[in-house]
Amino acid sequence: SVAWALGDASAQGDLYRTSRLARAPSSDVPIALHDFPLDAPSLRRFAERAHRVLEWREHERGGCMPGLEQPELLLECLCGFFRRFR
């Protein structure tokens, strides 16, 4: 999305490079993490160390843009996560 919005594929590389240098702040906000096989691998142990992970799912299909590749699956995941906060 960054490359498309800025019209520059190198911007995506810059984003990844700078984000690796800075440590992400911890958060108590409940989150759900979904690991898609065609996306960059997620490191569950690091995510759970710094965040309040309520849900972790590993999917059999999809990649870095699940809204385009698997929209029904993404919608099901979002609705399921937020349903618990009603």
C-alpha atoms as a PDB file:
ATOM      1  CA  SER A   1       0.000   0.000   0.000  1.00  0.00           C
ATOM      2  CA  VAL A   2       2.835   2.389   0.804  1.00  0.00           C
ATOM      3  CA  ALA A   3       4.467   1.827  -2.590  1.00  0.00           C
ATOM      4  CA  TRP A   4       1.164   2.343  -4.385  1.00  0.00           C
ATOM      5  CA  ALA A   5       0.196   5.492  -2.442  1.00  0.00           C
ATOM      6  CA  LEU A   6       3.579   7.159  -2.848  1.00  0.00           C
ATOM      7  CA  GLY A   7       4.274   5.834  -6.338  1.00  0.00           C
ATOM      8  CA  ASP A   8       7.685   4.683  -5.138  1.00  0.00           C
ATOM      9  CA  ALA A   9       8.581   1.078  -4.338  1.00  0.00           C
ATOM     10  CA  SER A  10      11.703   2.170  -2.449  1.00  0.00           C
ATOM     11  CA  ALA A  11       9.459   3.886   0.138  1.00  0.00           C
ATOM     12  CA  GLN A  12       8.293   0.464   1.311  1.00  0.00           C
ATOM     13  CA  GLY A  13      11.877  -0.650   1.857  1.00  0.00           C
ATOM     14  CA  ASP A  14      12.598   2.537   3.800  1.00  0.00           C
ATOM     15  CA  LEU A  15       9.554   1.917   5.997  1.00  0.00           C
ATOM     16  CA  TYR A  16      10.645  -1.641   6.820  1.00  0.00           C
ATOM     17  CA  ARG A  17      14.242  -0.587   7.445  1.00  0.00           C
ATOM     18  CA  THR A  18      13.377   2.251   9.832  1.00  0.00           C
ATOM     19  CA  SER A  19      10.736   0.221  11.677  1.00  0.00           C
ATOM     20  CA  ARG A  20      13.298  -2.488  12.442  1.00  0.00           C
ATOM     21  CA  LEU A  21      15.586   0.064  14.096  1.00  0.00           C
ATOM     22  CA  ALA A  22      13.026   1.403  16.575  1.00  0.00           C
ATOM     23  CA  ARG A  23      11.529  -0.739  19.312  1.00  0.00           C
ATOM     24  CA  ALA A  24       7.742  -0.780  19.251  1.00  0.00           C
ATOM     25  CA  PRO A  25       6.114   0.520  22.427  1.00  0.00           C
ATOM     26  CA  SER A  26       4.193  -1.909  24.635  1.00  0.00           C
ATOM     27  CA  SER A  27       0.428  -1.690  24.747  1.00  0.00           C
ATOM     28  CA  ASP A  28      -2.432  -2.995  26.889  1.00  0.00           C
ATOM     29  CA  VAL A  29      -4.918  -2.550  24.058  1.00  0.00           C
ATOM     30  CA  PRO A  30      -6.379  -5.956  23.152  1.00  0.00           C
ATOM     31  CA  ILE A  31      -5.337  -7.087  19.672  1.00  0.00           C
ATOM     32  CA  ALA A  32      -5.795 -10.004  17.311  1.00  0.00           C
ATOM     33  CA  LEU A  33      -2.945 -11.150  15.095  1.00  0.00           C
ATOM     34  CA  HIS A  34      -3.413 -13.195  11.970  1.00  0.00           C
ATOM     35  CA  ASP A  35      -0.538 -14.923  10.235  1.00  0.00           C
ATOM     36  CA  PHE A  36      -0.948 -15.448   6.494  1.00  0.00           C
ATOM     37  CA  PRO A  37       1.446 -17.875   4.762  1.00  0.00           C
ATOM     38  CA  LEU A  38       2.372 -15.545   1.879  1.00  0.00           C
ATOM     39  CA  ASP A  39       3.146 -12.602   4.180  1.00  0.00           C
ATOM     40  CA  ALA A  40       6.294 -11.914   6.174  1.00  0.00           C
ATOM     41  CA  PRO A  41       6.552 -14.384   9.060  1.00  0.00           C
ATOM     42  CA  SER A  42       5.138 -13.210  12.371  1.00  0.00           C
ATOM     43  CA  LEU A  43       7.036 -13.749  15.578  1.00  0.00           C
ATOM     44  CA  ARG A  44       4.401 -14.669  18.108  1.00  0.00           C
ATOM     45  CA  ARG A  45       6.684 -14.690  21.147  1.00  0.00           C
ATOM     46  CA  PHE A  46       7.714 -11.069  20.541  1.00  0.00           C
ATOM     47  CA  ALA A  47       4.143  -9.934  19.944  1.00  0.00           C
ATOM     48  CA  GLU A  48       2.885 -11.551  23.139  1.00  0.00           C
ATOM     49  CA  ARG A  49       5.762 -10.102  25.142  1.00  0.00           C
ATOM     50  CA  ALA A  50       4.839  -6.492  24.325  1.00  0.00           C
ATOM     51  CA  HIS A  51       1.087  -6.618  23.654  1.00  0.00           C
ATOM     52  CA  ARG A  52      -2.180  -8.000  24.993  1.00  0.00           C
ATOM     53  CA  VAL A  53      -2.860 -10.597  22.305  1.00  0.00           C
ATOM     54  CA  LEU A  54      -6.380 -11.997  22.688  1.00  0.00           C
ATOM     55  CA  GLU A  55      -6.412 -13.965  19.474  1.00  0.00           C
ATOM     56  CA  TRP A  56      -3.754 -15.512  17.257  1.00  0.00           C
ATOM     57  CA  ARG A  57      -4.665 -17.328  14.069  1.00  0.00           C
ATOM     58  CA  GLU A  58      -2.533 -18.933  11.397  1.00  0.00           C
ATOM     59  CA  HIS A  59      -4.318 -19.109   8.075  1.00  0.00           C
ATOM     60  CA  GLU A  60      -3.847 -21.595   5.253  1.00  0.00           C
ATOM     61  CA  ARG A  61      -4.210 -19.026   2.457  1.00  0.00           C
ATOM     62  CA  GLY A  62      -3.624 -15.350   1.870  1.00  0.00           C
ATOM     63  CA  GLY A  63      -0.747 -12.927   1.937  1.00  0.00           C
ATOM     64  CA  CYS A  64       0.203  -9.399   2.866  1.00  0.00           C
ATOM     65  CA  MET A  65      -3.051  -7.901   1.534  1.00  0.00           C
ATOM     66  CA  PRO A  66      -5.837 -10.084   2.931  1.00  0.00           C
ATOM     67  CA  GLY A  67      -8.459  -7.419   2.206  1.00  0.00           C
ATOM     68  CA  LEU A  68      -7.821  -7.936  -1.505  1.00  0.00           C
ATOM     69  CA  GLU A  69      -6.825 -11.606  -1.498  1.00  0.00           C
ATOM     70  CA  GLN A  70      -9.249 -13.061   1.083  1.00  0.00           C
ATOM     71  CA  PRO A  71     -11.900 -10.395   1.839  1.00  0.00           C
ATOM     72  CA  GLU A  72     -14.480 -12.824   3.248  1.00  0.00           C
ATOM     73  CA  LEU A  73     -11.915 -14.356   5.583  1.00  0.00           C
ATOM     74  CA  LEU A  74     -10.732 -10.933   6.766  1.00  0.00           C
ATOM     75  CA  LEU A  75     -14.296  -9.763   7.415  1.00  0.00           C
ATOM     76  CA  GLU A  76     -15.067 -12.934   9.365  1.00  0.00           C
ATOM     77  CA  CYS A  77     -11.943 -12.395  11.501  1.00  0.00           C
ATOM     78  CA  LEU A  78     -12.704  -8.734  12.187  1.00  0.00           C
ATOM     79  CA  CYS A  79     -16.334  -9.371  13.099  1.00  0.00           C
ATOM     80  CA  GLY A  80     -15.386 -12.303  15.321  1.00  0.00           C
ATOM     81  CA  PHE A  81     -12.785 -10.286  17.210  1.00  0.00           C
ATOM     82  CA  PHE A  82     -14.956  -7.232  17.825  1.00  0.00           C
ATOM     83  CA  ARG A  83     -18.055  -9.276  18.692  1.00  0.00           C
ATOM     84  CA  ARG A  84     -16.568 -10.024  22.119  1.00  0.00           C
ATOM     85  CA  PHE A  85     -16.614  -6.315  23.008  1.00  0.00           C
ATOM     86  CA  ARG A  86     -20.356  -5.774  22.528  1.00  0.00           C
END
